[in-house]
Amino acid sequence: MEKINSLRDAVTRHNRWSRANPDKMTVFVDSGHICFSGDTPSFAYDYTVILFVMDFTGDINEFT
């Protein structure tokens, strides 16, 4: 999914630890579904994204 890749790219770009340790950060979709609204043919994706960071010893605020 494009938005998940964009999230990973943004975190990597703006976080020094992520740039140095790209193999220790994983982004994935945990669950989700498609939402339909009314009589129109439009829809939206509703999903939970997990940003999993391993062996990080810094301040959690660097990721929020």
C-alpha atoms as a PDB file:
ATOM      1  CA  MET A   1       0.000   0.000   0.000  1.00  0.00           C
ATOM      2  CA  GLU A   2       1.352   3.357  -0.988  1.00  0.00           C
ATOM      3  CA  LYS A   3       0.519   5.169   2.271  1.00  0.00           C
ATOM      4  CA  ILE A   4       2.357   2.587   4.352  1.00  0.00           C
ATOM      5  CA  ASN A   5       5.456   2.922   2.196  1.00  0.00           C
ATOM      6  CA  SER A   6       5.144   6.715   2.473  1.00  0.00           C
ATOM      7  CA  LEU A   7       4.987   6.433   6.279  1.00  0.00           C
ATOM      8  CA  ARG A   8       8.098   4.270   6.371  1.00  0.00           C
ATOM      9  CA  ASP A   9       9.938   6.665   4.032  1.00  0.00           C
ATOM     10  CA  ALA A  10       8.949   9.708   6.129  1.00  0.00           C
ATOM     11  CA  VAL A  11      10.052   8.110   9.404  1.00  0.00           C
ATOM     12  CA  THR A  12      13.322   6.982   7.840  1.00  0.00           C
ATOM     13  CA  ARG A  13      13.947  10.417   6.328  1.00  0.00           C
ATOM     14  CA  HIS A  14      13.314  12.337   9.563  1.00  0.00           C
ATOM     15  CA  ASN A  15      14.747   9.957  12.144  1.00  0.00           C
ATOM     16  CA  ARG A  16      18.499   9.460  12.411  1.00  0.00           C
ATOM     17  CA  TRP A  17      18.221   6.065  14.142  1.00  0.00           C
ATOM     18  CA  SER A  18      15.919   4.727  11.400  1.00  0.00           C
ATOM     19  CA  ARG A  19      18.364   5.796   8.697  1.00  0.00           C
ATOM     20  CA  ALA A  20      21.182   3.949  10.479  1.00  0.00           C
ATOM     21  CA  ASN A  21      19.075   0.836  11.237  1.00  0.00           C
ATOM     22  CA  PRO A  22      16.517   0.348   8.444  1.00  0.00           C
ATOM     23  CA  ASP A  23      16.469  -3.416   8.996  1.00  0.00           C
ATOM     24  CA  LYS A  24      15.209  -2.947  12.584  1.00  0.00           C
ATOM     25  CA  MET A  25      12.009  -1.137  11.630  1.00  0.00           C
ATOM     26  CA  THR A  26       8.955  -2.828  10.126  1.00  0.00           C
ATOM     27  CA  VAL A  27       5.674  -1.279   9.004  1.00  0.00           C
ATOM     28  CA  PHE A  28       2.672  -3.495   8.287  1.00  0.00           C
ATOM     29  CA  VAL A  29      -1.120  -3.606   8.275  1.00  0.00           C
ATOM     30  CA  ASP A  30      -2.565  -5.529  11.221  1.00  0.00           C
ATOM     31  CA  SER A  31      -6.235  -5.552  10.212  1.00  0.00           C
ATOM     32  CA  GLY A  32      -8.614  -3.650   8.009  1.00  0.00           C
ATOM     33  CA  HIS A  33     -11.677  -3.539   5.840  1.00  0.00           C
ATOM     34  CA  ILE A  34     -13.315  -1.527   3.076  1.00  0.00           C
ATOM     35  CA  CYS A  35     -16.040   0.959   4.059  1.00  0.00           C
ATOM     36  CA  PHE A  36     -18.883   1.815   1.699  1.00  0.00           C
ATOM     37  CA  SER A  37     -20.988   4.914   2.240  1.00  0.00           C
ATOM     38  CA  GLY A  38     -24.544   5.403   1.040  1.00  0.00           C
ATOM     39  CA  ASP A  39     -25.705   4.973  -2.517  1.00  0.00           C
ATOM     40  CA  THR A  40     -22.564   6.335  -4.161  1.00  0.00           C
ATOM     41  CA  PRO A  41     -19.939   4.030  -5.652  1.00  0.00           C
ATOM     42  CA  SER A  42     -17.250   5.512  -3.375  1.00  0.00           C
ATOM     43  CA  PHE A  43     -15.364   3.595  -0.702  1.00  0.00           C
ATOM     44  CA  ALA A  44     -12.577   4.033   1.843  1.00  0.00           C
ATOM     45  CA  TYR A  45      -9.993   1.736   3.385  1.00  0.00           C
ATOM     46  CA  ASP A  46     -10.052   1.480   7.184  1.00  0.00           C
ATOM     47  CA  TYR A  47      -6.981  -0.260   8.592  1.00  0.00           C
ATOM     48  CA  THR A  48      -4.582  -0.374  11.532  1.00  0.00           C
ATOM     49  CA  VAL A  49      -0.908   0.206  10.773  1.00  0.00           C
ATOM     50  CA  ILE A  50       1.782  -1.157  13.085  1.00  0.00           C
ATOM     51  CA  LEU A  51       5.185   0.546  13.218  1.00  0.00           C
ATOM     52  CA  PHE A  52       7.425  -2.041  14.895  1.00  0.00           C
ATOM     53  CA  VAL A  53      10.870  -0.860  16.037  1.00  0.00           C
ATOM     54  CA  MET A  54      13.408  -3.329  17.462  1.00  0.00           C
ATOM     55  CA  ASP A  55      16.346  -2.570  19.787  1.00  0.00           C
ATOM     56  CA  PHE A  56      15.646   1.177  20.002  1.00  0.00           C
ATOM     57  CA  THR A  57      17.001   2.707  23.230  1.00  0.00           C
ATOM     58  CA  GLY A  58      16.253   6.373  22.545  1.00  0.00           C
ATOM     59  CA  ASP A  59      13.285   8.580  23.417  1.00  0.00           C
ATOM     60  CA  ILE A  60       9.930   7.288  22.110  1.00  0.00           C
ATOM     61  CA  ASN A  61       9.009  10.877  21.180  1.00  0.00           C
ATOM     62  CA  GLU A  62      11.423  10.602  18.247  1.00  0.00           C
ATOM     63  CA  PHE A  63       8.816   8.357  16.583  1.00  0.00           C
ATOM     64  CA  THR A  64       5.640  10.246  17.542  1.00  0.00           C
END
